[in-house]
Amino acid sequence: MFLAWYDPEKKKPARQKLAEAIERHVEKYGVPPTVCLTSATDAAELDGDRLSPDILVRAEPFLPRWTFYVGVNDAPAPALVAA
């Protein structure tokens, strides 16, 4: 399950936006996310920021800037693996 987070505030660093998305995910689902999908620009900023939250960040070309999808990667269903 992923939570979508959009924050266009230009003065706020990506790490703060990601931290807020993580906090909301925990509030809503009760578990911390393990992965963040975001734009290549935001992923590069997070990669270069040593203060960023410790979470796997993946750049996705279809995501616009300042958009973060945080969640838990679900394992594929056994029927789908066999197919």
PDB file of N, CA and C in Angstrom:
ATOM      1  N   MET A   1       0.850  -1.170   0.000  1.00  0.00           N
ATOM      2  CA  MET A   1       0.000   0.000   0.000  1.00  0.00           C
ATOM      3  C   MET A   1       0.902   1.241   0.000  1.00  0.00           C
ATOM      4  N   PHE A   2       0.629   2.151  -0.902  1.00  0.00           N
ATOM      5  CA  PHE A   2       1.410   3.375  -1.003  1.00  0.00           C
ATOM      6  C   PHE A   2       0.554   4.583  -0.653  1.00  0.00           C
ATOM      7  N   LEU A   3       1.199   5.584  -0.099  1.00  0.00           N
ATOM      8  CA  LEU A   3       0.569   6.849   0.207  1.00  0.00           C
ATOM      9  C   LEU A   3       1.179   7.896  -0.712  1.00  0.00           C
ATOM     10  N   ALA A   4       0.342   8.662  -1.398  1.00  0.00           N
ATOM     11  CA  ALA A   4       0.831   9.724  -2.281  1.00  0.00           C
ATOM     12  C   ALA A   4       0.984  11.013  -1.487  1.00  0.00           C
ATOM     13  N   TRP A   5       2.103  11.711  -1.713  1.00  0.00           N
ATOM     14  CA  TRP A   5       2.374  12.950  -1.010  1.00  0.00           C
ATOM     15  C   TRP A   5       2.881  13.974  -2.010  1.00  0.00           C
ATOM     16  N   TYR A   6       2.227  15.116  -2.081  1.00  0.00           N
ATOM     17  CA  TYR A   6       2.634  16.181  -2.989  1.00  0.00           C
ATOM     18  C   TYR A   6       2.833  17.453  -2.183  1.00  0.00           C
ATOM     19  N   ASP A   7       3.994  18.071  -2.332  1.00  0.00           N
ATOM     20  CA  ASP A   7       4.300  19.301  -1.611  1.00  0.00           C
ATOM     21  C   ASP A   7       5.117  20.207  -2.527  1.00  0.00           C
ATOM     22  N   PRO A   8       4.480  21.213  -3.153  1.00  0.00           N
ATOM     23  CA  PRO A   8       5.189  22.069  -4.112  1.00  0.00           C
ATOM     24  C   PRO A   8       5.982  23.205  -3.485  1.00  0.00           C
ATOM     25  N   GLU A   9       6.086  23.259  -2.151  1.00  0.00           N
ATOM     26  CA  GLU A   9       6.829  24.332  -1.489  1.00  0.00           C
ATOM     27  C   GLU A   9       8.301  24.279  -1.901  1.00  0.00           C
ATOM     28  N   LYS A  10       8.741  25.297  -2.636  1.00  0.00           N
ATOM     29  CA  LYS A  10      10.101  25.310  -3.188  1.00  0.00           C
ATOM     30  C   LYS A  10      11.178  25.552  -2.141  1.00  0.00           C
ATOM     31  N   LYS A  11      10.843  26.175  -1.025  1.00  0.00           N
ATOM     32  CA  LYS A  11      11.842  26.485  -0.001  1.00  0.00           C
ATOM     33  C   LYS A  11      12.085  25.325   0.967  1.00  0.00           C
ATOM     34  N   LYS A  12      11.239  24.316   0.903  1.00  0.00           N
ATOM     35  CA  LYS A  12      11.359  23.165   1.803  1.00  0.00           C
ATOM     36  C   LYS A  12      12.201  22.096   1.124  1.00  0.00           C
ATOM     37  N   PRO A  13      13.248  21.559   1.795  1.00  0.00           N
ATOM     38  CA  PRO A  13      14.076  20.513   1.177  1.00  0.00           C
ATOM     39  C   PRO A  13      13.303  19.204   1.009  1.00  0.00           C
ATOM     40  N   ALA A  14      13.731  18.425   0.038  1.00  0.00           N
ATOM     41  CA  ALA A  14      13.075  17.142  -0.247  1.00  0.00           C
ATOM     42  C   ALA A  14      13.088  16.231   0.973  1.00  0.00           C
ATOM     43  N   ARG A  15      14.165  16.293   1.752  1.00  0.00           N
ATOM     44  CA  ARG A  15      14.237  15.406   2.933  1.00  0.00           C
ATOM     45  C   ARG A  15      13.118  15.707   3.923  1.00  0.00           C
ATOM     46  N   GLN A  16      12.761  16.984   4.074  1.00  0.00           N
ATOM     47  CA  GLN A  16      11.674  17.347   4.982  1.00  0.00           C
ATOM     48  C   GLN A  16      10.330  16.878   4.429  1.00  0.00           C
ATOM     49  N   LYS A  17      10.143  17.023   3.124  1.00  0.00           N
ATOM     50  CA  LYS A  17       8.908  16.549   2.497  1.00  0.00           C
ATOM     51  C   LYS A  17       8.766  15.042   2.649  1.00  0.00           C
ATOM     52  N   LEU A  18       9.874  14.325   2.455  1.00  0.00           N
ATOM     53  CA  LEU A  18       9.854  12.869   2.605  1.00  0.00           C
ATOM     54  C   LEU A  18       9.578  12.484   4.056  1.00  0.00           C
ATOM     55  N   ALA A  19      10.181  13.185   4.996  1.00  0.00           N
ATOM     56  CA  ALA A  19       9.950  12.894   6.416  1.00  0.00           C
ATOM     57  C   ALA A  19       8.470  13.089   6.769  1.00  0.00           C
ATOM     58  N   GLU A  20       7.848  14.117   6.222  1.00  0.00           N
ATOM     59  CA  GLU A  20       6.427  14.356   6.475  1.00  0.00           C
ATOM     60  C   GLU A  20       5.570  13.258   5.845  1.00  0.00           C
ATOM     61  N   ALA A  21       5.950  12.807   4.658  1.00  0.00           N
ATOM     62  CA  ALA A  21       5.221  11.716   4.004  1.00  0.00           C
ATOM     63  C   ALA A  21       5.340  10.426   4.818  1.00  0.00           C
ATOM     64  N   ILE A  22       6.534  10.152   5.318  1.00  0.00           N
ATOM     65  CA  ILE A  22       6.750   8.956   6.142  1.00  0.00           C
ATOM     66  C   ILE A  22       5.904   9.035   7.407  1.00  0.00           C
ATOM     67  N   GLU A  23       5.907  10.194   8.045  1.00  0.00           N
ATOM     68  CA  GLU A  23       5.122  10.384   9.270  1.00  0.00           C
ATOM     69  C   GLU A  23       3.631  10.144   9.012  1.00  0.00           C
ATOM     70  N   ARG A  24       3.120  10.655   7.917  1.00  0.00           N
ATOM     71  CA  ARG A  24       1.705  10.468   7.585  1.00  0.00           C
ATOM     72  C   ARG A  24       1.397   9.001   7.282  1.00  0.00           C
ATOM     73  N   HIS A  25       2.331   8.321   6.611  1.00  0.00           N
ATOM     74  CA  HIS A  25       2.139   6.895   6.314  1.00  0.00           C
ATOM     75  C   HIS A  25       2.012   6.102   7.617  1.00  0.00           C
ATOM     76  N   VAL A  26       2.866   6.400   8.577  1.00  0.00           N
ATOM     77  CA  VAL A  26       2.816   5.704   9.868  1.00  0.00           C
ATOM     78  C   VAL A  26       1.497   6.008  10.578  1.00  0.00           C
ATOM     79  N   GLU A  27       1.064   7.269  10.541  1.00  0.00           N
ATOM     80  CA  GLU A  27      -0.212   7.634  11.167  1.00  0.00           C
ATOM     81  C   GLU A  27      -1.375   6.869  10.538  1.00  0.00           C
ATOM     82  N   LYS A  28      -1.360   6.782   9.222  1.00  0.00           N
ATOM     83  CA  LYS A  28      -2.492   6.187   8.502  1.00  0.00           C
ATOM     84  C   LYS A  28      -2.493   4.666   8.523  1.00  0.00           C
ATOM     85  N   TYR A  29      -1.311   4.043   8.333  1.00  0.00           N
ATOM     86  CA  TYR A  29      -1.247   2.589   8.193  1.00  0.00           C
ATOM     87  C   TYR A  29      -0.621   1.866   9.385  1.00  0.00           C
ATOM     88  N   GLY A  30       0.007   2.604  10.290  1.00  0.00           N
ATOM     89  CA  GLY A  30       0.560   1.989  11.487  1.00  0.00           C
ATOM     90  C   GLY A  30       1.912   1.321  11.310  1.00  0.00           C
ATOM     91  N   VAL A  31       2.483   1.393  10.125  1.00  0.00           N
ATOM     92  CA  VAL A  31       3.802   0.812   9.865  1.00  0.00           C
ATOM     93  C   VAL A  31       4.638   1.802   9.056  1.00  0.00           C
ATOM     94  N   PRO A  32       5.945   1.813   9.266  1.00  0.00           N
ATOM     95  CA  PRO A  32       6.782   2.714   8.469  1.00  0.00           C
ATOM     96  C   PRO A  32       6.955   2.190   7.048  1.00  0.00           C
ATOM     97  N   PRO A  33       7.018   3.087   6.075  1.00  0.00           N
ATOM     98  CA  PRO A  33       7.236   2.649   4.701  1.00  0.00           C
ATOM     99  C   PRO A  33       8.678   2.184   4.511  1.00  0.00           C
ATOM    100  N   THR A  34       8.890   1.358   3.492  1.00  0.00           N
ATOM    101  CA  THR A  34      10.232   0.854   3.215  1.00  0.00           C
ATOM    102  C   THR A  34      10.802   1.391   1.910  1.00  0.00           C
ATOM    103  N   VAL A  35       9.943   2.011   1.089  1.00  0.00           N
ATOM    104  CA  VAL A  35      10.392   2.503  -0.211  1.00  0.00           C
ATOM    105  C   VAL A  35       9.685   3.820  -0.540  1.00  0.00           C
ATOM    106  N   CYS A  36      10.402   4.665  -1.278  1.00  0.00           N
ATOM    107  CA  CYS A  36       9.841   5.924  -1.753  1.00  0.00           C
ATOM    108  C   CYS A  36      10.052   6.015  -3.255  1.00  0.00           C
ATOM    109  N   LEU A  37       8.978   6.268  -3.984  1.00  0.00           N
ATOM    110  CA  LEU A  37       9.061   6.509  -5.422  1.00  0.00           C
ATOM    111  C   LEU A  37       8.906   8.004  -5.622  1.00  0.00           C
ATOM    112  N   THR A  38       9.808   8.609  -6.392  1.00  0.00           N
ATOM    113  CA  THR A  38       9.757  10.045  -6.607  1.00  0.00           C
ATOM    114  C   THR A  38      10.388  10.393  -7.949  1.00  0.00           C
ATOM    115  N   SER A  39      10.399  11.666  -8.283  1.00  0.00           N
ATOM    116  CA  SER A  39      10.988  12.119  -9.549  1.00  0.00           C
ATOM    117  C   SER A  39      12.509  11.974  -9.501  1.00  0.00           C
ATOM    118  N   ALA A  40      13.120  11.967 -10.662  1.00  0.00           N
ATOM    119  CA  ALA A  40      14.581  11.853 -10.733  1.00  0.00           C
ATOM    120  C   ALA A  40      15.254  13.028 -10.041  1.00  0.00           C
ATOM    121  N   THR A  41      14.693  14.217 -10.167  1.00  0.00           N
ATOM    122  CA  THR A  41      15.267  15.415  -9.534  1.00  0.00           C
ATOM    123  C   THR A  41      15.237  15.301  -8.020  1.00  0.00           C
ATOM    124  N   ASP A  42      14.097  14.904  -7.477  1.00  0.00           N
ATOM    125  CA  ASP A  42      13.991  14.755  -6.026  1.00  0.00           C
ATOM    126  C   ASP A  42      14.829  13.587  -5.522  1.00  0.00           C
ATOM    127  N   ALA A  43      14.901  12.511  -6.280  1.00  0.00           N
ATOM    128  CA  ALA A  43      15.728  11.366  -5.888  1.00  0.00           C
ATOM    129  C   ALA A  43      17.197  11.766  -5.817  1.00  0.00           C
ATOM    130  N   ALA A  44      17.660  12.565  -6.774  1.00  0.00           N
ATOM    131  CA  ALA A  44      19.052  13.027  -6.765  1.00  0.00           C
ATOM    132  C   ALA A  44      19.312  13.924  -5.563  1.00  0.00           C
ATOM    133  N   GLU A  45      18.349  14.787  -5.242  1.00  0.00           N
ATOM    134  CA  GLU A  45      18.511  15.655  -4.070  1.00  0.00           C
ATOM    135  C   GLU A  45      18.579  14.825  -2.790  1.00  0.00           C
ATOM    136  N   LEU A  46      17.722  13.835  -2.675  1.00  0.00           N
ATOM    137  CA  LEU A  46      17.721  12.975  -1.485  1.00  0.00           C
ATOM    138  C   LEU A  46      19.003  12.164  -1.390  1.00  0.00           C
ATOM    139  N   ASP A  47      19.502  11.693  -2.535  1.00  0.00           N
ATOM    140  CA  ASP A  47      20.729  10.899  -2.562  1.00  0.00           C
ATOM    141  C   ASP A  47      21.933  11.718  -2.084  1.00  0.00           C
ATOM    142  N   GLY A  48      21.945  12.994  -2.404  1.00  0.00           N
ATOM    143  CA  GLY A  48      23.062  13.852  -2.024  1.00  0.00           C
ATOM    144  C   GLY A  48      22.940  14.460  -0.641  1.00  0.00           C
ATOM    145  N   ASP A  49      21.831  14.220   0.041  1.00  0.00           N
ATOM    146  CA  ASP A  49      21.582  14.815   1.359  1.00  0.00           C
ATOM    147  C   ASP A  49      21.796  13.761   2.445  1.00  0.00           C
ATOM    148  N   ARG A  50      22.860  13.923   3.202  1.00  0.00           N
ATOM    149  CA  ARG A  50      23.177  12.917   4.229  1.00  0.00           C
ATOM    150  C   ARG A  50      22.181  12.918   5.391  1.00  0.00           C
ATOM    151  N   LEU A  51      21.322  13.939   5.473  1.00  0.00           N
ATOM    152  CA  LEU A  51      20.325  14.012   6.541  1.00  0.00           C
ATOM    153  C   LEU A  51      18.975  13.424   6.136  1.00  0.00           C
ATOM    154  N   SER A  52      18.891  12.896   4.926  1.00  0.00           N
ATOM    155  CA  SER A  52      17.636  12.313   4.439  1.00  0.00           C
ATOM    156  C   SER A  52      17.242  11.094   5.263  1.00  0.00           C
ATOM    157  N   PRO A  53      15.934  10.840   5.370  1.00  0.00           N
ATOM    158  CA  PRO A  53      15.494   9.633   6.081  1.00  0.00           C
ATOM    159  C   PRO A  53      16.073   8.374   5.442  1.00  0.00           C
ATOM    160  N   ASP A  54      16.289   7.371   6.276  1.00  0.00           N
ATOM    161  CA  ASP A  54      16.863   6.111   5.813  1.00  0.00           C
ATOM    162  C   ASP A  54      15.756   5.244   5.218  1.00  0.00           C
ATOM    163  N   ILE A  55      15.582   5.356   3.900  1.00  0.00           N
ATOM    164  CA  ILE A  55      14.550   4.622   3.178  1.00  0.00           C
ATOM    165  C   ILE A  55      15.052   4.437   1.751  1.00  0.00           C
ATOM    166  N   LEU A  56      14.676   3.351   1.131  1.00  0.00           N
ATOM    167  CA  LEU A  56      15.047   3.104  -0.260  1.00  0.00           C
ATOM    168  C   LEU A  56      14.307   4.100  -1.150  1.00  0.00           C
ATOM    169  N   VAL A  57      15.056   4.869  -1.955  1.00  0.00           N
ATOM    170  CA  VAL A  57      14.464   5.866  -2.840  1.00  0.00           C
ATOM    171  C   VAL A  57      14.690   5.423  -4.279  1.00  0.00           C
ATOM    172  N   ARG A  58      13.590   5.365  -5.047  1.00  0.00           N
ATOM    173  CA  ARG A  58      13.674   4.998  -6.461  1.00  0.00           C
ATOM    174  C   ARG A  58      13.145   6.132  -7.321  1.00  0.00           C
ATOM    175  N   ALA A  59      13.931   6.523  -8.306  1.00  0.00           N
ATOM    176  CA  ALA A  59      13.490   7.547  -9.251  1.00  0.00           C
ATOM    177  C   ALA A  59      12.584   6.912 -10.291  1.00  0.00           C
ATOM    178  N   GLU A  60      11.456   7.524 -10.542  1.00  0.00           N
ATOM    179  CA  GLU A  60      10.509   7.050 -11.546  1.00  0.00           C
ATOM    180  C   GLU A  60      10.261   8.181 -12.537  1.00  0.00           C
ATOM    181  N   PRO A  61      10.489   7.934 -13.816  1.00  0.00           N
ATOM    182  CA  PRO A  61      10.377   9.003 -14.816  1.00  0.00           C
ATOM    183  C   PRO A  61       8.963   9.558 -14.996  1.00  0.00           C
ATOM    184  N   PHE A  62       7.947   8.813 -14.617  1.00  0.00           N
ATOM    185  CA  PHE A  62       6.571   9.269 -14.810  1.00  0.00           C
ATOM    186  C   PHE A  62       6.070  10.163 -13.678  1.00  0.00           C
ATOM    187  N   LEU A  63       6.829  10.291 -12.594  1.00  0.00           N
ATOM    188  CA  LEU A  63       6.384  11.103 -11.464  1.00  0.00           C
ATOM    189  C   LEU A  63       6.847  12.551 -11.611  1.00  0.00           C
ATOM    190  N   PRO A  64       5.952  13.504 -11.393  1.00  0.00           N
ATOM    191  CA  PRO A  64       6.355  14.908 -11.451  1.00  0.00           C
ATOM    192  C   PRO A  64       7.140  15.311 -10.204  1.00  0.00           C
ATOM    193  N   ARG A  65       7.843  16.397 -10.319  1.00  0.00           N
ATOM    194  CA  ARG A  65       8.642  16.899  -9.200  1.00  0.00           C
ATOM    195  C   ARG A  65       7.747  17.179  -8.001  1.00  0.00           C
ATOM    196  N   TRP A  66       8.312  17.012  -6.820  1.00  0.00           N
ATOM    197  CA  TRP A  66       7.671  17.260  -5.523  1.00  0.00           C
ATOM    198  C   TRP A  66       6.566  16.258  -5.200  1.00  0.00           C
ATOM    199  N   THR A  67       6.578  15.106  -5.874  1.00  0.00           N
ATOM    200  CA  THR A  67       5.610  14.047  -5.607  1.00  0.00           C
ATOM    201  C   THR A  67       6.351  12.842  -5.039  1.00  0.00           C
ATOM    202  N   PHE A  68       5.840  12.310  -3.955  1.00  0.00           N
ATOM    203  CA  PHE A  68       6.464  11.180  -3.275  1.00  0.00           C
ATOM    204  C   PHE A  68       5.397  10.120  -3.016  1.00  0.00           C
ATOM    205  N   TYR A  69       5.685   8.900  -3.417  1.00  0.00           N
ATOM    206  CA  TYR A  69       4.844   7.760  -3.077  1.00  0.00           C
ATOM    207  C   TYR A  69       5.643   6.925  -2.091  1.00  0.00           C
ATOM    208  N   VAL A  70       5.156   6.833  -0.857  1.00  0.00           N
ATOM    209  CA  VAL A  70       5.847   6.043   0.164  1.00  0.00           C
ATOM    210  C   VAL A  70       4.985   4.847   0.506  1.00  0.00           C
ATOM    211  N   GLY A  71       5.637   3.706   0.693  1.00  0.00           N
ATOM    212  CA  GLY A  71       4.873   2.506   1.013  1.00  0.00           C
ATOM    213  C   GLY A  71       5.764   1.314   1.249  1.00  0.00           C
ATOM    214  N   VAL A  72       5.129   0.182   1.242  1.00  0.00           N
ATOM    215  CA  VAL A  72       5.799  -1.090   1.476  1.00  0.00           C
ATOM    216  C   VAL A  72       5.682  -1.903   0.203  1.00  0.00           C
ATOM    217  N   ASN A  73       6.797  -2.353  -0.319  1.00  0.00           N
ATOM    218  CA  ASN A  73       6.779  -3.197  -1.510  1.00  0.00           C
ATOM    219  C   ASN A  73       6.161  -4.531  -1.144  1.00  0.00           C
ATOM    220  N   ASP A  74       5.050  -4.846  -1.759  1.00  0.00           N
ATOM    221  CA  ASP A  74       4.386  -6.126  -1.517  1.00  0.00           C
ATOM    222  C   ASP A  74       5.060  -7.190  -2.367  1.00  0.00           C
ATOM    223  N   ALA A  75       5.191  -8.373  -1.811  1.00  0.00           N
ATOM    224  CA  ALA A  75       5.712  -9.496  -2.582  1.00  0.00           C
ATOM    225  C   ALA A  75       4.651  -9.912  -3.599  1.00  0.00           C
ATOM    226  N   PRO A  76       5.066 -10.323  -4.783  1.00  0.00           N
ATOM    227  CA  PRO A  76       4.066 -10.743  -5.777  1.00  0.00           C
ATOM    228  C   PRO A  76       3.297 -11.972  -5.301  1.00  0.00           C
ATOM    229  N   ALA A  77       2.067 -12.031  -5.698  1.00  0.00           N
ATOM    230  CA  ALA A  77       1.224 -13.167  -5.325  1.00  0.00           C
ATOM    231  C   ALA A  77       1.802 -14.455  -5.922  1.00  0.00           C
ATOM    232  N   PRO A  78       1.724 -15.583  -5.210  1.00  0.00           N
ATOM    233  CA  PRO A  78       2.285 -16.838  -5.711  1.00  0.00           C
ATOM    234  C   PRO A  78       1.761 -17.220  -7.099  1.00  0.00           C
ATOM    235  N   ALA A  79       0.489 -16.965  -7.386  1.00  0.00           N
ATOM    236  CA  ALA A  79      -0.076 -17.326  -8.696  1.00  0.00           C
ATOM    237  C   ALA A  79       0.584 -16.513  -9.806  1.00  0.00           C
ATOM    238  N   LEU A  80       0.951 -15.289  -9.521  1.00  0.00           N
ATOM    239  CA  LEU A  80       1.585 -14.450 -10.524  1.00  0.00           C
ATOM    240  C   LEU A  80       3.026 -14.872 -10.765  1.00  0.00           C
ATOM    241  N   VAL A  81       3.686 -15.352  -9.741  1.00  0.00           N
ATOM    242  CA  VAL A  81       5.064 -15.806  -9.872  1.00  0.00           C
ATOM    243  C   VAL A  81       5.139 -17.039 -10.764  1.00  0.00           C
ATOM    244  N   ALA A  82       4.192 -17.941 -10.587  1.00  0.00           N
ATOM    245  CA  ALA A  82       4.184 -19.177 -11.339  1.00  0.00           C
ATOM    246  C   ALA A  82       3.846 -18.951 -12.807  1.00  0.00           C
ATOM    247  N   ALA A  83       3.147 -17.899 -13.106  1.00  0.00           N
ATOM    248  CA  ALA A  83       2.710 -17.660 -14.490  1.00  0.00           C
ATOM    249  C   ALA A  83       3.798 -17.205 -15.387  1.00  0.00           C
TER     250      ALA A  83
END
